[in-house]
């Protein structure tokens, strides 16, 4: 180590005044560049990205508030009896695409070529109006003929829904 230091000092002394100044300026510039890349650039990138992150966090916050309101609305709703829930579920059920089979407090729903948006809407209504919750799903995704040159996704299979278990009358 001492030998390397001695060699470096000897080379430095061998350089002319102008060369020493050039090497010193180059060393300072490399130091500034290193400091910039380690300390300043990441801070500037964070500052540049802060507006986008703030917007994303605002969207997440709005979504969480909407979910909170939905959860509070579901919690505050009047409980249905099993019979009321079953009647409500039967009134929501479309004809040939869906058949209900009641087994105690569970309902098995058989789907035949049910379009995805219709199924999504029906599940939302079953949850909110009939207070039926999905317990199992055995579904197969299929595509049918084209509508405006786009394949339509349909579902076949079975869903098992749980009905409210609150006795024969609502409280």
Protein backbone atom coordinates (compact mmCIF):
# COMPACT_ATOMS: atom_id res chain seq x y z
CA UNK A 1 0.00 0.00 0.00
CA UNK A 2 2.79 2.40 0.90
CA UNK A 3 4.49 1.42 -2.33
CA UNK A 4 1.45 2.35 -4.41
CA UNK A 5 1.16 5.67 -2.61
CA UNK A 6 4.81 6.40 -3.23
CA UNK A 7 4.43 5.56 -6.93
CA UNK A 8 1.36 7.81 -7.21
CA UNK A 9 3.22 10.73 -5.54
CA UNK A 10 6.19 10.22 -7.83
CA UNK A 11 3.96 10.33 -10.90
CA UNK A 12 2.15 13.41 -9.55
CA UNK A 13 5.47 15.20 -9.03
CA UNK A 14 6.54 14.19 -12.53
CA UNK A 15 3.54 15.96 -14.04
CA UNK A 16 3.80 19.56 -15.03
CA UNK A 17 1.86 22.37 -13.32
CA UNK A 18 -0.71 22.49 -16.14
CA UNK A 19 -1.20 18.69 -16.14
CA UNK A 20 -1.64 18.65 -12.35
CA UNK A 21 -4.31 21.32 -12.66
CA UNK A 22 -6.09 19.32 -15.43
CA UNK A 23 -6.03 16.13 -13.37
CA UNK A 24 -7.33 18.04 -10.33
CA UNK A 25 -10.18 19.54 -12.33
CA UNK A 26 -11.01 16.10 -13.74
CA UNK A 27 -11.04 14.61 -10.22
CA UNK A 28 -13.34 17.38 -8.98
CA UNK A 29 -15.69 16.86 -11.96
CA UNK A 30 -15.79 13.10 -11.32
CA UNK A 31 -16.53 13.79 -7.65
CA UNK A 32 -19.38 16.15 -8.57
CA UNK A 33 -20.77 13.62 -11.06
CA UNK A 34 -20.60 10.85 -8.45
CA UNK A 35 -22.31 13.07 -5.86
CA UNK A 36 -24.99 14.02 -8.42
CA UNK A 37 -25.74 10.39 -9.36
CA UNK A 38 -25.83 9.17 -5.74
CA UNK A 39 -27.52 12.03 -3.88
CA UNK A 40 -29.17 14.58 -6.15
CA UNK A 41 -30.62 12.58 -9.09
CA UNK A 42 -32.72 10.16 -6.98
CA UNK A 43 -34.15 13.08 -4.99
CA UNK A 44 -35.08 14.93 -8.21
CA UNK A 45 -36.72 11.77 -9.62
CA UNK A 46 -38.75 11.39 -6.45
CA UNK A 47 -39.80 15.02 -6.64
CA UNK A 48 -40.72 14.64 -10.34
CA UNK A 49 -42.82 11.53 -9.65
CA UNK A 50 -44.56 12.96 -6.58
CA UNK A 51 -47.50 14.45 -8.53
CA UNK A 52 -48.24 11.11 -10.22
CA UNK A 53 -47.96 9.23 -6.94
CA UNK A 54 -50.20 11.77 -5.22
CA UNK A 55 -52.84 11.28 -7.95
CA UNK A 56 -52.60 7.48 -7.61
CA UNK A 57 -52.94 7.70 -3.84
CA UNK A 58 -55.94 10.00 -4.26
CA UNK A 59 -57.61 7.45 -6.55
CA UNK A 60 -56.87 4.63 -4.10
CA UNK A 61 -58.28 6.72 -1.26
CA UNK A 62 -61.47 7.45 -3.22
CA UNK A 63 -61.85 3.73 -4.00
CA UNK A 64 -61.34 2.81 -0.35
CA UNK A 65 -63.94 5.38 0.72
CA UNK A 66 -66.40 3.93 -1.81
CA UNK A 67 -65.73 0.42 -0.49
CA UNK A 68 -66.17 1.66 3.07
CA UNK A 69 -69.52 3.23 2.17
CA UNK A 70 -70.59 0.02 0.45
CA UNK A 71 -69.58 -2.05 3.48
CA UNK A 72 -71.48 0.27 5.82
CA UNK A 73 -74.56 0.10 3.60
CA UNK A 74 -74.40 -3.71 3.57
CA UNK A 75 -73.96 -3.75 7.34
CA UNK A 76 -76.88 -1.38 7.93
CA UNK A 77 -79.40 -3.15 5.70
CA UNK A 78 -82.33 -4.95 7.26
CA UNK A 79 -81.73 -8.70 7.51
CA UNK A 80 -83.96 -10.93 5.41
CA UNK A 81 -85.40 -14.25 6.43
CA UNK A 82 -84.39 -17.30 4.41
CA UNK A 83 -87.79 -17.39 2.68
CA UNK A 84 -87.69 -13.69 1.75
CA UNK A 85 -84.16 -14.10 0.41
CA UNK A 86 -85.19 -17.12 -1.65
CA UNK A 87 -88.18 -15.26 -3.12
CA UNK A 88 -85.98 -12.29 -3.96
CA UNK A 89 -83.37 -14.56 -5.57
CA UNK A 90 -86.03 -16.33 -7.63
CA UNK A 91 -87.41 -12.98 -8.84
CA UNK A 92 -83.92 -11.96 -10.01
CA UNK A 93 -83.25 -15.17 -11.92
CA UNK A 94 -83.50 -14.99 -15.72
CA UNK A 95 -85.19 -17.84 -17.57
CA UNK A 96 -83.33 -20.40 -19.68
CA UNK A 97 -79.76 -19.39 -18.85
CA UNK A 98 -80.06 -20.09 -15.14
CA UNK A 99 -81.81 -22.69 -12.97
CA UNK A 100 -82.05 -22.67 -9.17
CA UNK A 101 -82.01 -25.79 -6.99
CA UNK A 102 -82.69 -25.17 -3.28
CA UNK A 103 -81.03 -27.41 -0.67
CA UNK A 104 -81.64 -26.10 2.84
CA UNK A 105 -79.94 -22.75 3.29
CA UNK A 106 -77.94 -23.20 0.07
CA UNK A 107 -78.96 -22.67 -3.51
CA UNK A 108 -77.20 -24.32 -6.42
CA UNK A 109 -77.39 -22.23 -9.56
CA UNK A 110 -76.82 -23.98 -12.88
CA UNK A 111 -75.58 -21.67 -15.65
CA UNK A 112 -75.88 -22.30 -19.39
CA UNK A 113 -74.21 -19.84 -21.79
CA UNK A 114 -74.57 -16.90 -19.38
CA UNK A 115 -72.89 -13.73 -20.74
CA UNK A 116 -70.24 -12.39 -18.39
CA UNK A 117 -71.83 -8.93 -17.86
CA UNK A 118 -75.22 -10.53 -17.12
CA UNK A 119 -73.63 -12.89 -14.59
CA UNK A 120 -71.75 -10.06 -12.92
CA UNK A 121 -74.89 -7.94 -12.64
CA UNK A 122 -76.91 -10.89 -11.35
CA UNK A 123 -74.32 -11.71 -8.66
CA UNK A 124 -74.31 -8.09 -7.52
CA UNK A 125 -78.10 -8.05 -7.27
CA UNK A 126 -78.16 -11.44 -5.51
CA UNK A 127 -75.74 -10.10 -2.93
CA UNK A 128 -77.49 -6.79 -2.33
CA UNK A 129 -81.18 -7.68 -2.72
CA UNK A 130 -81.36 -11.34 -1.68
CA UNK A 131 -78.37 -11.24 0.70
CA UNK A 132 -77.09 -14.44 -0.93
CA UNK A 133 -73.35 -14.97 -0.84
CA UNK A 134 -71.35 -17.17 -3.23
CA UNK A 135 -69.77 -20.14 -1.48
CA UNK A 136 -68.52 -22.24 -4.41
CA UNK A 137 -68.07 -21.69 -8.11
CA UNK A 138 -67.40 -24.33 -10.75
CA UNK A 139 -67.44 -22.35 -13.98
CA UNK A 140 -66.13 -22.84 -17.49
CA UNK A 141 -65.38 -19.87 -19.68
CA UNK A 142 -66.46 -20.13 -23.32
CA UNK A 143 -66.63 -17.76 -26.24
CA UNK A 144 -69.54 -17.56 -28.64
CA UNK A 145 -70.10 -16.05 -32.07
CA UNK A 146 -68.99 -12.56 -32.72
CA UNK A 147 -70.94 -9.42 -32.01
CA UNK A 148 -69.39 -6.57 -34.01
CA UNK A 149 -66.35 -8.78 -34.70
CA UNK A 150 -65.69 -9.32 -30.98
CA UNK A 151 -66.05 -12.64 -29.17
CA UNK A 152 -68.61 -12.72 -26.39
CA UNK A 153 -67.53 -14.46 -23.18
CA UNK A 154 -70.14 -16.76 -21.66
CA UNK A 155 -70.03 -18.96 -18.56
CA UNK A 156 -71.28 -22.51 -18.04
CA UNK A 157 -71.25 -24.40 -14.74
CA UNK A 158 -72.55 -24.24 -11.20
CA UNK A 159 -72.57 -21.68 -8.41
CA UNK A 160 -73.46 -22.45 -4.81
CA UNK A 161 -74.95 -19.54 -2.88
CA UNK A 162 -75.57 -19.30 0.84
CA UNK A 163 -78.90 -17.82 1.94
CA UNK A 164 -79.30 -15.86 5.17
CA UNK A 165 -79.97 -18.18 8.10
CA UNK A 166 -82.20 -16.04 10.31
CA UNK A 167 -85.21 -18.24 10.88
CA UNK A 168 -88.62 -17.94 9.24
CA UNK A 169 -89.19 -14.22 9.86
CA UNK A 170 -87.08 -11.09 9.62
CA UNK A 171 -86.15 -9.28 12.83
